[in-house]
Protein backbone atom coordinates (compact mmCIF):
# COMPACT_ATOMS: atom_id res chain seq x y z
CA MET A 1 -44.84 -25.84 -42.98
CA ALA A 2 -41.32 -24.16 -43.80
CA SER A 3 -38.45 -26.24 -43.74
CA SER A 4 -35.29 -25.47 -41.93
CA PRO A 5 -32.35 -24.11 -43.62
CA ARG A 6 -29.40 -26.71 -44.37
CA ARG A 7 -26.59 -26.89 -41.88
CA GLY A 8 -23.21 -27.65 -42.52
CA GLY A 9 -23.21 -27.23 -46.27
CA ARG A 10 -20.07 -24.95 -45.90
CA ARG A 11 -16.78 -25.89 -44.11
CA ARG A 12 -15.12 -23.05 -42.05
CA GLN A 13 -11.85 -22.27 -43.71
CA ALA A 14 -8.91 -22.14 -40.88
CA ARG A 15 -7.20 -18.98 -40.56
CA ARG A 16 -3.66 -18.68 -41.26
CA GLY A 17 -2.08 -17.10 -38.33
CA ARG A 18 1.32 -15.94 -37.45
CA PRO A 19 3.40 -18.82 -35.52
CA SER A 20 3.32 -18.48 -32.04
CA GLY A 21 5.95 -16.60 -30.23
CA ARG A 22 6.45 -14.15 -33.24
CA TRP A 23 5.57 -10.50 -32.92
CA GLY A 24 3.50 -8.51 -35.67
CA ALA A 25 4.31 -5.11 -36.36
CA GLY A 26 0.88 -3.84 -34.50
CA ALA A 27 2.09 -5.36 -31.33
CA LEU A 28 5.78 -3.67 -31.55
CA VAL A 29 3.99 -0.57 -32.40
CA ALA A 30 1.89 -0.93 -29.32
CA VAL A 31 4.77 -1.42 -27.06
CA ILE A 32 6.86 1.40 -28.57
CA ASN A 33 3.71 3.73 -27.95
CA GLY A 34 3.45 2.70 -24.47
CA LEU A 35 6.83 3.46 -23.71
CA LEU A 36 6.63 7.06 -25.30
CA VAL A 37 3.16 7.83 -23.55
CA GLY A 38 4.65 6.62 -20.29
CA VAL A 39 7.62 8.68 -20.41
CA GLY A 40 5.91 11.75 -21.49
CA GLY A 41 3.40 10.91 -18.43
CA VAL A 42 5.96 11.11 -16.19
CA TYR A 43 7.37 14.35 -17.32
CA ALA A 44 3.89 16.04 -17.38
CA ALA A 45 3.50 14.75 -13.82
CA THR A 46 6.73 15.75 -12.51
CA SER A 47 8.40 18.38 -15.05
CA SER A 48 11.53 16.97 -13.50
CA VAL A 49 14.14 16.26 -16.21
CA ALA A 50 16.09 13.85 -14.00
CA VAL A 51 13.07 11.81 -13.02
CA THR A 52 11.88 11.80 -16.77
CA VAL A 53 15.44 10.64 -17.84
CA SER A 54 15.47 7.68 -15.33
CA ALA A 55 11.92 6.56 -16.27
CA ALA A 56 12.96 6.68 -19.79
CA GLY A 57 15.74 4.32 -19.05
CA ALA A 58 13.52 2.10 -17.03
CA ALA A 59 11.04 2.24 -19.88
CA VAL A 60 13.55 1.21 -22.28
CA VAL A 61 14.76 -1.96 -20.06
CA LEU A 62 11.19 -2.87 -19.55
CA ALA A 63 10.39 -2.69 -23.25
CA GLY A 64 13.38 -4.89 -24.14
CA LEU A 65 12.53 -7.37 -21.88
CA ILE A 66 9.15 -7.58 -23.17
CA VAL A 67 10.52 -8.31 -26.78
CA LEU A 68 12.96 -10.65 -25.46
CA VAL A 69 10.42 -12.76 -23.55
CA HIS A 70 8.03 -13.04 -26.38
CA ARG A 71 10.74 -13.65 -29.16
């Protein structure tokens, strides 16, 4: 009969994560990319500069709120 492998011989090391509430560079890049894609999408859909400018202002306000809430 074959014996089963030993279990529990190694301990898993705890991952060192960022303290909660802190943003990493990847999260901020994702917010900025979302802002740029959204504004570009509005211009592509409407071809209106006035609508694009207002969408850009709304996107900046929304991105600022997201960053402040998760700070």
